[in-house]
Amino acid sequence: MNQINYSLEDNEKVKDTIKSIGNTYSFINSGNGSFSDFYIWREDFDERVIENNKFIEIKDKIGSLIANQ
């Protein structure tokens, strides 16, 4: 994430690329049956909650980074 932010500060071509990636990312995360329905399965419920919260945090960071471009 830090490297992406660093690259975005000075490079317009990178910004265009990130915008394109953002469009694709939004597409694969919208609607039923999309990546938005993905979750991490663990037999242990508490472990499953922890892992999925980490996953959601990563997805949120990516979405936020993309949305700010």
C-alpha atoms as a PDB file:
ATOM      1  CA  MET A   1       0.000   0.000   0.000  1.00  0.00           C
ATOM      2  CA  ASN A   2       2.787   2.419   0.862  1.00  0.00           C
ATOM      3  CA  GLN A   3       4.544   1.784  -2.449  1.00  0.00           C
ATOM      4  CA  ILE A   4       1.329   2.430  -4.365  1.00  0.00           C
ATOM      5  CA  ASN A   5       0.780   5.682  -2.478  1.00  0.00           C
ATOM      6  CA  TYR A   6       4.363   6.731  -3.168  1.00  0.00           C
ATOM      7  CA  SER A   7       3.989   6.002  -6.866  1.00  0.00           C
ATOM      8  CA  LEU A   8       0.748   7.930  -7.082  1.00  0.00           C
ATOM      9  CA  GLU A   9       2.247  11.119  -5.699  1.00  0.00           C
ATOM     10  CA  ASP A  10       4.276  11.969  -8.805  1.00  0.00           C
ATOM     11  CA  ASN A  11       3.169   9.881 -11.741  1.00  0.00           C
ATOM     12  CA  GLU A  12       0.068  10.732 -13.789  1.00  0.00           C
ATOM     13  CA  LYS A  13       0.363   7.535 -15.850  1.00  0.00           C
ATOM     14  CA  VAL A  14       0.200   5.499 -12.649  1.00  0.00           C
ATOM     15  CA  LYS A  15      -2.930   7.410 -11.650  1.00  0.00           C
ATOM     16  CA  ASP A  16      -4.593   6.449 -14.941  1.00  0.00           C
ATOM     17  CA  THR A  17      -3.618   2.838 -14.398  1.00  0.00           C
ATOM     18  CA  ILE A  18      -4.976   2.848 -10.848  1.00  0.00           C
ATOM     19  CA  LYS A  19      -8.235   4.376 -12.112  1.00  0.00           C
ATOM     20  CA  SER A  20      -8.558   1.546 -14.631  1.00  0.00           C
ATOM     21  CA  ILE A  21      -7.801  -1.000 -11.924  1.00  0.00           C
ATOM     22  CA  GLY A  22     -10.440   0.686  -9.767  1.00  0.00           C
ATOM     23  CA  ASN A  23     -13.064   0.233 -12.438  1.00  0.00           C
ATOM     24  CA  THR A  24     -12.233  -3.461 -12.704  1.00  0.00           C
ATOM     25  CA  TYR A  25     -12.097  -3.836  -8.914  1.00  0.00           C
ATOM     26  CA  SER A  26     -15.539  -2.241  -8.563  1.00  0.00           C
ATOM     27  CA  PHE A  27     -16.936  -4.531 -11.239  1.00  0.00           C
ATOM     28  CA  ILE A  28     -15.685  -7.733  -9.622  1.00  0.00           C
ATOM     29  CA  ASN A  29     -17.014  -6.623  -6.228  1.00  0.00           C
ATOM     30  CA  SER A  30     -20.568  -5.774  -7.242  1.00  0.00           C
ATOM     31  CA  GLY A  31     -23.665  -7.921  -7.363  1.00  0.00           C
ATOM     32  CA  ASN A  32     -24.593 -11.374  -6.205  1.00  0.00           C
ATOM     33  CA  GLY A  33     -22.093 -14.100  -6.966  1.00  0.00           C
ATOM     34  CA  SER A  34     -19.236 -11.651  -7.259  1.00  0.00           C
ATOM     35  CA  PHE A  35     -16.042 -11.421  -5.268  1.00  0.00           C
ATOM     36  CA  SER A  36     -18.082  -9.534  -2.651  1.00  0.00           C
ATOM     37  CA  ASP A  37     -19.604 -12.886  -1.659  1.00  0.00           C
ATOM     38  CA  PHE A  38     -16.181 -14.394  -0.942  1.00  0.00           C
ATOM     39  CA  TYR A  39     -15.264 -15.266   2.620  1.00  0.00           C
ATOM     40  CA  ILE A  40     -12.556 -17.267   4.365  1.00  0.00           C
ATOM     41  CA  TRP A  41     -13.738 -20.505   5.908  1.00  0.00           C
ATOM     42  CA  ARG A  42     -12.278 -21.905   9.099  1.00  0.00           C
ATOM     43  CA  GLU A  43     -13.792 -24.682  11.217  1.00  0.00           C
ATOM     44  CA  ASP A  44     -13.240 -22.605  14.339  1.00  0.00           C
ATOM     45  CA  PHE A  45     -15.789 -19.773  14.344  1.00  0.00           C
ATOM     46  CA  ASP A  46     -13.605 -17.317  16.264  1.00  0.00           C
ATOM     47  CA  GLU A  47     -10.699 -17.902  13.897  1.00  0.00           C
ATOM     48  CA  ARG A  48     -13.055 -17.477  10.925  1.00  0.00           C
ATOM     49  CA  VAL A  49     -14.238 -14.114  12.267  1.00  0.00           C
ATOM     50  CA  ILE A  50     -10.655 -12.917  12.800  1.00  0.00           C
ATOM     51  CA  GLU A  51      -9.523 -13.963   9.308  1.00  0.00           C
ATOM     52  CA  ASN A  52     -12.550 -12.455   7.593  1.00  0.00           C
ATOM     53  CA  ASN A  53     -12.122  -9.198   9.482  1.00  0.00           C
ATOM     54  CA  LYS A  54      -8.528  -9.038   8.220  1.00  0.00           C
ATOM     55  CA  PHE A  55      -9.786  -9.746   4.699  1.00  0.00           C
ATOM     56  CA  ILE A  56     -12.441  -7.023   4.935  1.00  0.00           C
ATOM     57  CA  GLU A  57      -9.835  -4.558   6.219  1.00  0.00           C
ATOM     58  CA  ILE A  58      -7.590  -5.270   3.224  1.00  0.00           C
ATOM     59  CA  LYS A  59     -10.496  -4.912   0.784  1.00  0.00           C
ATOM     60  CA  ASP A  60     -11.486  -1.623   2.450  1.00  0.00           C
ATOM     61  CA  LYS A  61      -7.928  -0.280   2.175  1.00  0.00           C
ATOM     62  CA  ILE A  62      -7.784  -1.168  -1.495  1.00  0.00           C
ATOM     63  CA  GLY A  63     -11.200   0.398  -2.107  1.00  0.00           C
ATOM     64  CA  SER A  64     -10.221   3.546  -0.258  1.00  0.00           C
ATOM     65  CA  LEU A  65      -6.950   3.855  -2.134  1.00  0.00           C
ATOM     66  CA  ILE A  66      -8.699   3.453  -5.458  1.00  0.00           C
ATOM     67  CA  ALA A  67     -11.565   5.791  -4.562  1.00  0.00           C
ATOM     68  CA  ASN A  68      -9.124   8.594  -3.734  1.00  0.00           C
ATOM     69  CA  GLN A  69      -7.760   8.658  -7.293  1.00  0.00           C
END
